[in-house]
C-alpha cells in the first residue's frame, strides 16, 4: 500500500495551463506506478488548459465546481462527479468560466501510443 497525503503531493506546471494548480497524487518520476498517473488539478476562476492532444487514454472527474470541456466541435459543462473520457490523440480544452474555483481528478494511462495524430 502506498499512501500519498495531499500535503506531500508533488506540484508541477504543465505547458499550456493558465491559473491551474496541479499536484501528482500517484505517478511520475518519484512514484512506483507503472500503468497510470493520478493528478488533482485546481482551476481558479478564468483558468484554462489550452487546446492540446491527449498523449494517452485519459479520464477527467470534476470533484467540485464546474468546468467546460471542448473537443472536436463539441462543448459540455461538467459539474461535481461528472466525468469524461478521451482517447489518445483527441484534442481538448478545459476552462473554468465561473467565479468559483473548481477541482478535477485526472487519471491518465502511461501507455502512450506510438504517434499522436495531429
N, C-alpha and C. Protein backbone atom coordinates (compact mmCIF):
# COMPACT_ATOMS: atom_id res chain seq x y z
N UNK A 1 0.86 -1.18 0.00
CA UNK A 1 0.00 0.00 0.00
C UNK A 1 0.90 1.23 0.00
N UNK A 2 0.60 2.16 -0.89
CA UNK A 2 1.36 3.41 -0.98
C UNK A 2 0.40 4.57 -0.83
N UNK A 3 0.55 5.32 0.24
CA UNK A 3 -0.33 6.45 0.54
C UNK A 3 0.38 7.74 0.18
N UNK A 4 -0.32 8.62 -0.50
CA UNK A 4 0.18 9.97 -0.75
C UNK A 4 -0.75 10.94 -0.04
N UNK A 5 -0.24 11.62 0.94
CA UNK A 5 -1.01 12.65 1.63
C UNK A 5 -1.02 13.90 0.74
N UNK A 6 -2.14 14.59 0.71
CA UNK A 6 -2.24 15.78 -0.12
C UNK A 6 -1.11 16.76 0.17
N UNK A 7 -0.75 16.90 1.42
CA UNK A 7 0.33 17.81 1.80
C UNK A 7 1.68 17.40 1.20
N UNK A 8 1.82 16.12 0.84
CA UNK A 8 3.07 15.63 0.26
C UNK A 8 3.01 15.47 -1.26
N UNK A 9 1.88 15.78 -1.87
CA UNK A 9 1.73 15.62 -3.32
C UNK A 9 2.67 16.59 -4.04
N UNK A 10 3.20 16.14 -5.17
CA UNK A 10 4.20 16.90 -5.93
C UNK A 10 3.53 17.88 -6.89
N UNK A 11 3.71 19.21 -6.68
CA UNK A 11 3.15 20.19 -7.62
C UNK A 11 3.98 20.24 -8.90
N UNK A 12 3.34 20.60 -10.00
CA UNK A 12 4.07 20.78 -11.26
C UNK A 12 3.31 21.77 -12.13
N UNK A 13 3.93 22.21 -13.21
CA UNK A 13 3.35 23.24 -14.09
C UNK A 13 3.29 22.72 -15.52
N UNK A 14 2.15 22.17 -15.95
CA UNK A 14 2.05 21.67 -17.32
C UNK A 14 2.01 22.81 -18.34
N UNK A 15 2.58 22.58 -19.49
CA UNK A 15 2.59 23.56 -20.57
C UNK A 15 1.15 23.83 -21.02
N UNK A 16 0.85 25.10 -21.29
CA UNK A 16 -0.46 25.46 -21.80
C UNK A 16 -1.55 25.60 -20.76
N UNK A 17 -1.21 25.51 -19.49
CA UNK A 17 -2.20 25.65 -18.42
C UNK A 17 -1.99 27.01 -17.74
N UNK A 18 -3.04 27.80 -17.66
CA UNK A 18 -3.01 29.11 -17.02
C UNK A 18 -3.97 29.13 -15.84
N UNK A 19 -3.49 29.49 -14.65
CA UNK A 19 -4.35 29.56 -13.47
C UNK A 19 -4.72 28.20 -12.92
N UNK A 20 -3.94 27.17 -13.26
CA UNK A 20 -4.22 25.81 -12.83
C UNK A 20 -3.11 25.35 -11.89
N UNK A 21 -3.48 24.74 -10.77
CA UNK A 21 -2.51 24.24 -9.80
C UNK A 21 -2.62 22.74 -9.66
N UNK A 22 -1.89 21.96 -10.47
CA UNK A 22 -1.96 20.50 -10.36
C UNK A 22 -0.93 19.93 -9.39
N UNK A 23 -1.29 18.80 -8.77
CA UNK A 23 -0.36 18.04 -7.93
C UNK A 23 -0.49 16.56 -8.28
N UNK A 24 0.63 15.86 -8.28
CA UNK A 24 0.62 14.42 -8.56
C UNK A 24 0.27 13.66 -7.28
N UNK A 25 -0.80 12.89 -7.35
CA UNK A 25 -1.18 12.04 -6.23
C UNK A 25 -0.55 10.66 -6.36
N UNK A 26 -0.49 10.17 -7.60
CA UNK A 26 0.17 8.90 -7.91
C UNK A 26 0.73 9.03 -9.32
N UNK A 27 1.90 8.47 -9.54
CA UNK A 27 2.52 8.53 -10.86
C UNK A 27 3.57 9.62 -10.93
N UNK A 28 4.40 9.55 -11.94
CA UNK A 28 5.50 10.49 -12.09
C UNK A 28 6.80 9.85 -11.67
N UNK A 29 7.88 10.61 -11.76
CA UNK A 29 9.23 10.09 -11.52
C UNK A 29 9.44 9.52 -10.12
N UNK A 30 8.78 10.10 -9.12
CA UNK A 30 9.04 9.66 -7.75
C UNK A 30 8.02 8.63 -7.24
N UNK A 31 7.22 8.08 -8.14
CA UNK A 31 6.19 7.11 -7.76
C UNK A 31 6.42 5.78 -8.47
N UNK A 32 6.02 4.69 -7.86
CA UNK A 32 6.24 3.38 -8.48
C UNK A 32 5.13 2.92 -9.42
N UNK A 33 4.15 3.76 -9.73
CA UNK A 33 3.07 3.31 -10.61
C UNK A 33 3.62 3.05 -12.01
N UNK A 34 3.08 2.03 -12.66
CA UNK A 34 3.58 1.64 -13.98
C UNK A 34 2.49 1.69 -15.06
N UNK A 35 1.24 1.86 -14.68
CA UNK A 35 0.14 1.80 -15.64
C UNK A 35 -0.60 3.12 -15.83
N UNK A 36 -0.52 4.04 -14.85
CA UNK A 36 -1.34 5.24 -14.88
C UNK A 36 -0.74 6.32 -13.98
N UNK A 37 -1.26 7.55 -14.14
CA UNK A 37 -0.98 8.64 -13.20
C UNK A 37 -2.31 9.17 -12.70
N UNK A 38 -2.30 9.74 -11.49
CA UNK A 38 -3.47 10.39 -10.92
C UNK A 38 -3.04 11.77 -10.46
N UNK A 39 -3.72 12.78 -11.00
CA UNK A 39 -3.38 14.18 -10.71
C UNK A 39 -4.63 14.89 -10.20
N UNK A 40 -4.45 15.74 -9.20
CA UNK A 40 -5.51 16.61 -8.72
C UNK A 40 -5.20 18.01 -9.24
N UNK A 41 -6.11 18.57 -10.02
CA UNK A 41 -5.91 19.91 -10.59
C UNK A 41 -6.94 20.87 -10.04
N UNK A 42 -6.45 22.02 -9.58
CA UNK A 42 -7.33 23.08 -9.09
C UNK A 42 -7.34 24.21 -10.13
N UNK A 43 -8.53 24.57 -10.59
CA UNK A 43 -8.71 25.62 -11.59
C UNK A 43 -9.31 26.85 -10.93
N UNK A 44 -8.57 27.95 -10.92
CA UNK A 44 -9.09 29.21 -10.42
C UNK A 44 -10.13 29.75 -11.40
N UNK A 45 -10.99 30.70 -10.98
CA UNK A 45 -11.92 31.31 -11.93
C UNK A 45 -11.14 31.89 -13.11
N UNK A 46 -11.59 31.60 -14.32
CA UNK A 46 -10.92 32.06 -15.52
C UNK A 46 -9.75 31.20 -15.98
N UNK A 47 -9.40 30.18 -15.22
CA UNK A 47 -8.27 29.30 -15.57
C UNK A 47 -8.61 28.46 -16.79
N UNK A 48 -7.54 28.02 -17.49
CA UNK A 48 -7.77 27.21 -18.68
C UNK A 48 -6.59 26.30 -18.98
N UNK A 49 -6.89 25.25 -19.74
CA UNK A 49 -5.88 24.39 -20.34
C UNK A 49 -6.08 24.52 -21.84
N UNK A 50 -5.03 24.92 -22.54
CA UNK A 50 -5.11 25.20 -23.97
C UNK A 50 -5.40 23.93 -24.78
N UNK A 51 -5.85 24.15 -26.01
CA UNK A 51 -6.10 23.04 -26.92
C UNK A 51 -4.84 22.22 -27.10
N UNK A 52 -4.96 20.93 -26.80
CA UNK A 52 -3.83 20.03 -26.98
C UNK A 52 -4.34 18.60 -27.11
N UNK A 53 -3.58 17.76 -27.83
CA UNK A 53 -4.00 16.36 -27.98
C UNK A 53 -3.66 15.55 -26.73
N UNK A 54 -4.49 14.60 -26.42
CA UNK A 54 -4.22 13.68 -25.32
C UNK A 54 -3.12 12.71 -25.76
N UNK A 55 -2.07 12.59 -24.97
CA UNK A 55 -0.96 11.69 -25.33
C UNK A 55 -1.29 10.24 -25.02
N UNK A 56 -2.30 10.03 -24.19
CA UNK A 56 -2.69 8.67 -23.80
C UNK A 56 -4.16 8.71 -23.38
N UNK A 57 -4.74 7.54 -23.18
CA UNK A 57 -6.12 7.46 -22.71
C UNK A 57 -6.24 8.20 -21.37
N UNK A 58 -7.25 9.07 -21.26
CA UNK A 58 -7.37 9.94 -20.09
C UNK A 58 -8.83 10.04 -19.65
N UNK A 59 -9.04 10.04 -18.32
CA UNK A 59 -10.35 10.26 -17.73
C UNK A 59 -10.25 11.47 -16.80
N UNK A 60 -11.20 12.39 -16.93
CA UNK A 60 -11.30 13.55 -16.05
C UNK A 60 -12.55 13.40 -15.20
N UNK A 61 -12.44 13.68 -13.88
CA UNK A 61 -13.59 13.64 -12.97
C UNK A 61 -13.62 14.97 -12.23
N UNK A 62 -14.69 15.73 -12.41
CA UNK A 62 -14.84 17.00 -11.70
C UNK A 62 -15.24 16.70 -10.26
N UNK A 63 -14.45 17.19 -9.31
CA UNK A 63 -14.72 16.96 -7.90
C UNK A 63 -15.53 18.08 -7.26
N UNK A 64 -15.31 19.30 -7.74
CA UNK A 64 -16.06 20.44 -7.22
C UNK A 64 -16.07 21.54 -8.27
N UNK A 65 -17.08 22.40 -8.18
CA UNK A 65 -17.19 23.48 -9.15
C UNK A 65 -17.70 22.97 -10.48
N UNK A 66 -17.41 23.74 -11.54
CA UNK A 66 -17.84 23.38 -12.89
C UNK A 66 -16.74 23.75 -13.87
N UNK A 67 -16.52 22.88 -14.84
CA UNK A 67 -15.52 23.12 -15.88
C UNK A 67 -16.14 22.85 -17.24
N UNK A 68 -15.75 23.65 -18.23
CA UNK A 68 -16.22 23.45 -19.59
C UNK A 68 -15.13 22.73 -20.37
N UNK A 69 -15.51 21.58 -20.94
CA UNK A 69 -14.61 20.80 -21.79
C UNK A 69 -15.07 20.99 -23.22
N UNK A 70 -14.12 21.19 -24.13
CA UNK A 70 -14.44 21.28 -25.55
C UNK A 70 -13.52 20.34 -26.30
N UNK A 71 -14.10 19.63 -27.28
CA UNK A 71 -13.33 18.69 -28.08
C UNK A 71 -14.05 18.44 -29.40
N UNK A 72 -13.32 18.60 -30.47
CA UNK A 72 -13.82 18.25 -31.80
C UNK A 72 -15.20 18.85 -32.09
N UNK A 73 -15.35 20.14 -31.80
CA UNK A 73 -16.58 20.85 -32.10
C UNK A 73 -17.70 20.67 -31.09
N UNK A 74 -17.47 19.89 -30.06
CA UNK A 74 -18.48 19.67 -29.02
C UNK A 74 -18.01 20.32 -27.73
N UNK A 75 -18.95 20.94 -27.00
CA UNK A 75 -18.63 21.61 -25.74
C UNK A 75 -19.63 21.15 -24.69
N UNK A 76 -19.13 20.90 -23.47
CA UNK A 76 -20.01 20.47 -22.38
C UNK A 76 -19.51 21.03 -21.06
N UNK A 77 -20.46 21.41 -20.22
CA UNK A 77 -20.14 21.84 -18.86
C UNK A 77 -20.25 20.63 -17.95
N UNK A 78 -19.17 20.35 -17.23
CA UNK A 78 -19.16 19.23 -16.29
C UNK A 78 -19.20 19.78 -14.88
N UNK A 79 -20.05 19.17 -14.05
CA UNK A 79 -20.19 19.59 -12.66
C UNK A 79 -19.77 18.45 -11.75
N UNK A 80 -19.92 18.66 -10.46
CA UNK A 80 -19.47 17.71 -9.44
C UNK A 80 -19.82 16.26 -9.79
N UNK A 81 -18.78 15.43 -9.83
CA UNK A 81 -18.82 13.99 -10.08
C UNK A 81 -19.18 13.60 -11.52
N UNK A 82 -19.25 14.58 -12.42
CA UNK A 82 -19.34 14.27 -13.85
C UNK A 82 -17.95 13.87 -14.32
N UNK A 83 -17.90 13.01 -15.34
CA UNK A 83 -16.60 12.58 -15.87
C UNK A 83 -16.64 12.55 -17.39
N UNK A 84 -15.45 12.57 -17.98
CA UNK A 84 -15.32 12.49 -19.43
C UNK A 84 -14.08 11.65 -19.75
N UNK A 85 -14.16 10.89 -20.83
CA UNK A 85 -13.07 10.02 -21.28
C UNK A 85 -12.59 10.51 -22.64
N UNK A 86 -11.26 10.57 -22.82
CA UNK A 86 -10.67 10.92 -24.10
C UNK A 86 -9.72 9.82 -24.54
N UNK A 87 -9.76 9.51 -25.82
CA UNK A 87 -8.84 8.55 -26.41
C UNK A 87 -7.57 9.26 -26.83
N UNK A 88 -6.46 8.54 -27.01
CA UNK A 88 -5.21 9.17 -27.44
C UNK A 88 -5.40 9.95 -28.74
N UNK A 89 -4.81 11.14 -28.78
CA UNK A 89 -4.86 11.98 -29.96
C UNK A 89 -6.03 12.94 -29.99
N UNK A 90 -7.04 12.72 -29.15
CA UNK A 90 -8.19 13.62 -29.12
C UNK A 90 -7.75 14.97 -28.56
N UNK A 91 -8.07 16.04 -29.29
CA UNK A 91 -7.72 17.39 -28.82
C UNK A 91 -8.83 17.92 -27.93
N UNK A 92 -8.43 18.62 -26.85
CA UNK A 92 -9.42 19.15 -25.91
C UNK A 92 -8.93 20.44 -25.29
N UNK A 93 -9.90 21.23 -24.81
CA UNK A 93 -9.60 22.40 -23.98
C UNK A 93 -10.39 22.23 -22.69
N UNK A 94 -9.94 22.93 -21.64
CA UNK A 94 -10.64 22.95 -20.36
C UNK A 94 -10.68 24.40 -19.89
N UNK A 95 -11.85 24.86 -19.43
CA UNK A 95 -11.97 26.23 -18.93
C UNK A 95 -12.86 26.28 -17.70
N UNK A 96 -12.48 27.13 -16.76
CA UNK A 96 -13.35 27.46 -15.64
C UNK A 96 -13.96 28.82 -15.95
N UNK A 97 -15.21 28.82 -16.39
CA UNK A 97 -15.89 30.06 -16.77
C UNK A 97 -16.73 30.64 -15.64
N UNK A 98 -16.58 30.08 -14.45
CA UNK A 98 -17.36 30.54 -13.31
C UNK A 98 -16.53 31.50 -12.44
N UNK A 99 -17.16 31.99 -11.39
CA UNK A 99 -16.46 32.85 -10.42
C UNK A 99 -16.01 32.07 -9.20
N UNK A 100 -16.14 30.74 -9.25
CA UNK A 100 -15.74 29.85 -8.15
C UNK A 100 -14.62 28.93 -8.60
N UNK A 101 -13.71 28.55 -7.70
CA UNK A 101 -12.68 27.56 -8.06
C UNK A 101 -13.32 26.20 -8.36
N UNK A 102 -12.60 25.41 -9.13
CA UNK A 102 -13.05 24.05 -9.46
C UNK A 102 -11.87 23.10 -9.28
N UNK A 103 -12.17 21.85 -8.93
CA UNK A 103 -11.13 20.83 -8.77
C UNK A 103 -11.49 19.61 -9.61
N UNK A 104 -10.46 19.00 -10.17
CA UNK A 104 -10.68 17.87 -11.06
C UNK A 104 -9.58 16.82 -10.86
N UNK A 105 -10.00 15.56 -10.89
CA UNK A 105 -9.08 14.43 -10.84
C UNK A 105 -8.79 14.02 -12.28
N UNK A 106 -7.52 13.82 -12.60
CA UNK A 106 -7.10 13.41 -13.95
C UNK A 106 -6.40 12.07 -13.84
N UNK A 107 -6.96 11.07 -14.50
CA UNK A 107 -6.39 9.72 -14.48
C UNK A 107 -5.94 9.42 -15.90
N UNK A 108 -4.64 9.19 -16.08
CA UNK A 108 -4.09 9.01 -17.42
C UNK A 108 -3.25 7.74 -17.49
N UNK A 109 -3.46 7.00 -18.55
CA UNK A 109 -2.66 5.81 -18.81
C UNK A 109 -1.21 6.22 -19.09
N UNK A 110 -0.28 5.39 -18.67
CA UNK A 110 1.13 5.64 -19.01
C UNK A 110 1.51 4.95 -20.31
N UNK A 111 0.55 4.27 -20.93
CA UNK A 111 0.81 3.60 -22.21
C UNK A 111 0.48 4.56 -23.33
N UNK A 112 1.48 5.29 -23.77
CA UNK A 112 1.29 6.25 -24.84
C UNK A 112 1.33 5.55 -26.19
N UNK A 113 0.51 6.00 -27.13
CA UNK A 113 0.57 5.41 -28.46
C UNK A 113 1.89 5.77 -29.15
N UNK A 114 2.23 5.05 -30.18
CA UNK A 114 3.47 5.31 -30.91
C UNK A 114 3.50 6.73 -31.46
N UNK A 115 2.39 7.18 -32.06
CA UNK A 115 2.30 8.53 -32.60
C UNK A 115 0.93 9.09 -32.25
N UNK A 116 0.91 10.38 -31.92
CA UNK A 116 -0.34 11.05 -31.63
C UNK A 116 -0.79 11.76 -32.91
N UNK A 117 -1.99 11.46 -33.43
CA UNK A 117 -2.46 12.15 -34.63
C UNK A 117 -2.62 13.65 -34.38
N UNK A 118 -2.31 14.46 -35.37
CA UNK A 118 -2.46 15.91 -35.21
C UNK A 118 -3.72 16.43 -35.82
